[in-house]
Amino acid sequence: MLGTSNDDFDGEASQSYFATLSKRLLSWDKGGVSPYAGAVWIYDIDELNPVGGLHISYAPFAALVMYSGTDTHLVASVSHGRHTLNAILFDLELPGLGYGWRW
């Protein structure tokens, strides 16, 4: 995946550009395990950092551990039909909630 984001990296708001690769390593009827790895260029602090994470799912639940290049984040999700509710722990300190709806 290729992308761009504007985010806070070590206290510095910056545009970033990233590339990642992922692969499902284990698969079962209701889920699987998928790691990802890549790199992020953080423009304003002029750094190229590694990114990576691990997604584990067993429907309707999922967990994601991710390293953004400067911080680690945790996400726990539960899905029902087209709806997903996420509990987020940003930088392992700041809690949040997310909601997703897919077509």
C-alpha atoms as a PDB file:
ATOM      1  CA  MET A   1       0.000   0.000   0.000  1.00  0.00           C
ATOM      2  CA  LEU A   2       1.207   3.516  -0.761  1.00  0.00           C
ATOM      3  CA  GLY A   3      -0.180   6.534   1.065  1.00  0.00           C
ATOM      4  CA  THR A   4       0.247   9.908   2.652  1.00  0.00           C
ATOM      5  CA  SER A   5      -0.860  11.310   5.977  1.00  0.00           C
ATOM      6  CA  ASN A   6      -0.592  14.440   8.066  1.00  0.00           C
ATOM      7  CA  ASP A   7       0.005  13.512  11.669  1.00  0.00           C
ATOM      8  CA  ASP A   8       1.900  14.279  14.880  1.00  0.00           C
ATOM      9  CA  PHE A   9       5.328  12.623  14.932  1.00  0.00           C
ATOM     10  CA  ASP A  10       7.264  13.122  18.183  1.00  0.00           C
ATOM     11  CA  GLY A  11       5.389  16.370  18.817  1.00  0.00           C
ATOM     12  CA  GLU A  12       5.911  17.706  15.278  1.00  0.00           C
ATOM     13  CA  ALA A  13       2.912  17.982  12.946  1.00  0.00           C
ATOM     14  CA  SER A  14       4.136  16.812   9.547  1.00  0.00           C
ATOM     15  CA  GLN A  15       3.137  15.384   6.218  1.00  0.00           C
ATOM     16  CA  SER A  16       4.365  11.836   5.734  1.00  0.00           C
ATOM     17  CA  TYR A  17       4.581   9.361   2.867  1.00  0.00           C
ATOM     18  CA  PHE A  18       4.554   5.620   3.448  1.00  0.00           C
ATOM     19  CA  ALA A  19       4.767   2.248   1.733  1.00  0.00           C
ATOM     20  CA  THR A  20       3.824  -1.075   3.329  1.00  0.00           C
ATOM     21  CA  LEU A  21       3.572  -4.731   2.392  1.00  0.00           C
ATOM     22  CA  SER A  22       1.330  -7.240   4.159  1.00  0.00           C
ATOM     23  CA  LYS A  23       0.791 -10.975   3.975  1.00  0.00           C
ATOM     24  CA  ARG A  24      -1.718 -13.258   5.644  1.00  0.00           C
ATOM     25  CA  LEU A  25       0.457 -15.927   7.262  1.00  0.00           C
ATOM     26  CA  LEU A  26      -2.152 -17.977   9.086  1.00  0.00           C
ATOM     27  CA  SER A  27      -5.740 -18.411   8.058  1.00  0.00           C
ATOM     28  CA  TRP A  28      -8.710 -20.177   9.583  1.00  0.00           C
ATOM     29  CA  ASP A  29     -12.452 -20.238   9.055  1.00  0.00           C
ATOM     30  CA  LYS A  30     -13.231 -17.046  10.986  1.00  0.00           C
ATOM     31  CA  GLY A  31      -9.959 -15.130  10.801  1.00  0.00           C
ATOM     32  CA  GLY A  32      -6.221 -15.131  10.561  1.00  0.00           C
ATOM     33  CA  VAL A  33      -2.910 -13.507  11.353  1.00  0.00           C
ATOM     34  CA  SER A  34      -1.417 -10.861   9.059  1.00  0.00           C
ATOM     35  CA  PRO A  35       1.797  -8.928   9.697  1.00  0.00           C
ATOM     36  CA  TYR A  36       2.792  -5.825   7.746  1.00  0.00           C
ATOM     37  CA  ALA A  37       6.027  -3.870   7.377  1.00  0.00           C
ATOM     38  CA  GLY A  38       7.290  -0.886   5.485  1.00  0.00           C
ATOM     39  CA  ALA A  39       8.731   2.582   5.776  1.00  0.00           C
ATOM     40  CA  VAL A  40       7.521   6.146   6.345  1.00  0.00           C
ATOM     41  CA  TRP A  41       9.234   9.378   5.264  1.00  0.00           C
ATOM     42  CA  ILE A  42       8.342  12.140   7.752  1.00  0.00           C
ATOM     43  CA  TYR A  43       8.845  15.366   5.827  1.00  0.00           C
ATOM     44  CA  ASP A  44       9.211  18.049   8.526  1.00  0.00           C
ATOM     45  CA  ILE A  45      11.619  16.063  10.688  1.00  0.00           C
ATOM     46  CA  ASP A  46      13.449  14.701   7.616  1.00  0.00           C
ATOM     47  CA  GLU A  47      13.452  11.063   8.740  1.00  0.00           C
ATOM     48  CA  LEU A  48      12.863   7.692   7.148  1.00  0.00           C
ATOM     49  CA  ASN A  49      11.523   5.311   9.791  1.00  0.00           C
ATOM     50  CA  PRO A  50      10.305   1.705   9.772  1.00  0.00           C
ATOM     51  CA  VAL A  51       6.605   0.940  10.243  1.00  0.00           C
ATOM     52  CA  GLY A  52       4.984  -2.365  11.027  1.00  0.00           C
ATOM     53  CA  GLY A  53       2.311  -4.221  12.833  1.00  0.00           C
ATOM     54  CA  LEU A  54       0.308  -7.356  13.365  1.00  0.00           C
ATOM     55  CA  HIS A  55      -3.412  -7.938  12.759  1.00  0.00           C
ATOM     56  CA  ILE A  56      -5.096 -10.911  14.450  1.00  0.00           C
ATOM     57  CA  SER A  57      -8.751 -11.696  13.845  1.00  0.00           C
ATOM     58  CA  TYR A  58     -11.326 -14.227  14.937  1.00  0.00           C
ATOM     59  CA  ALA A  59     -14.719 -12.979  13.746  1.00  0.00           C
ATOM     60  CA  PRO A  60     -16.325 -10.842  14.984  1.00  0.00           C
ATOM     61  CA  PHE A  61     -13.249  -9.696  16.974  1.00  0.00           C
ATOM     62  CA  ALA A  62      -9.903  -8.318  15.825  1.00  0.00           C
ATOM     63  CA  ALA A  63      -6.791  -6.783  17.349  1.00  0.00           C
ATOM     64  CA  LEU A  64      -4.141  -4.645  15.691  1.00  0.00           C
ATOM     65  CA  VAL A  65      -0.756  -3.646  17.089  1.00  0.00           C
ATOM     66  CA  MET A  66       0.961  -1.025  14.931  1.00  0.00           C
ATOM     67  CA  TYR A  67       4.146   0.994  14.997  1.00  0.00           C
ATOM     68  CA  SER A  68       3.754   4.267  13.056  1.00  0.00           C
ATOM     69  CA  GLY A  69       7.425   5.130  12.747  1.00  0.00           C
ATOM     70  CA  THR A  70       7.568   6.996  16.064  1.00  0.00           C
ATOM     71  CA  ASP A  71       4.774   5.572  18.275  1.00  0.00           C
ATOM     72  CA  THR A  72       3.027   2.277  19.023  1.00  0.00           C
ATOM     73  CA  HIS A  73      -0.777   2.048  18.912  1.00  0.00           C
ATOM     74  CA  LEU A  74      -3.303  -0.660  19.820  1.00  0.00           C
ATOM     75  CA  VAL A  75      -6.745  -1.176  18.299  1.00  0.00           C
ATOM     76  CA  ALA A  76      -9.371  -3.713  19.412  1.00  0.00           C
ATOM     77  CA  SER A  77     -12.401  -4.129  17.148  1.00  0.00           C
ATOM     78  CA  VAL A  78     -15.736  -5.855  17.077  1.00  0.00           C
ATOM     79  CA  SER A  79     -17.830  -6.103  13.907  1.00  0.00           C
ATOM     80  CA  HIS A  80     -21.494  -6.769  13.314  1.00  0.00           C
ATOM     81  CA  GLY A  81     -22.724  -6.860   9.731  1.00  0.00           C
ATOM     82  CA  ARG A  82     -21.508  -3.687   8.032  1.00  0.00           C
ATOM     83  CA  HIS A  83     -20.632  -1.950  11.328  1.00  0.00           C
ATOM     84  CA  THR A  84     -17.326  -1.966  13.229  1.00  0.00           C
ATOM     85  CA  LEU A  85     -16.576  -0.420  16.618  1.00  0.00           C
ATOM     86  CA  ASN A  86     -12.905   0.240  17.477  1.00  0.00           C
ATOM     87  CA  ALA A  87     -11.303   0.916  20.863  1.00  0.00           C
ATOM     88  CA  ILE A  88      -8.024   2.725  20.244  1.00  0.00           C
ATOM     89  CA  LEU A  89      -5.027   3.330  22.498  1.00  0.00           C
ATOM     90  CA  PHE A  90      -2.932   5.944  20.685  1.00  0.00           C
ATOM     91  CA  ASP A  91       0.738   6.029  21.686  1.00  0.00           C
ATOM     92  CA  LEU A  92      -0.215   3.469  24.368  1.00  0.00           C
ATOM     93  CA  GLU A  93      -1.611   6.410  26.390  1.00  0.00           C
ATOM     94  CA  LEU A  94      -4.537   8.231  24.762  1.00  0.00           C
ATOM     95  CA  PRO A  95      -7.812   6.286  24.546  1.00  0.00           C
ATOM     96  CA  GLY A  96     -10.301   6.779  21.759  1.00  0.00           C
ATOM     97  CA  LEU A  97     -13.220   5.198  19.921  1.00  0.00           C
ATOM     98  CA  GLY A  98     -13.804   4.730  16.229  1.00  0.00           C
ATOM     99  CA  TYR A  99     -16.797   3.616  14.232  1.00  0.00           C
ATOM    100  CA  GLY A 100     -16.812   2.271  10.703  1.00  0.00           C
ATOM    101  CA  TRP A 101     -19.573   1.454   8.277  1.00  0.00           C
ATOM    102  CA  ARG A 102     -18.912  -0.287   4.980  1.00  0.00           C
ATOM    103  CA  TRP A 103     -21.093  -0.356   1.918  1.00  0.00           C
END
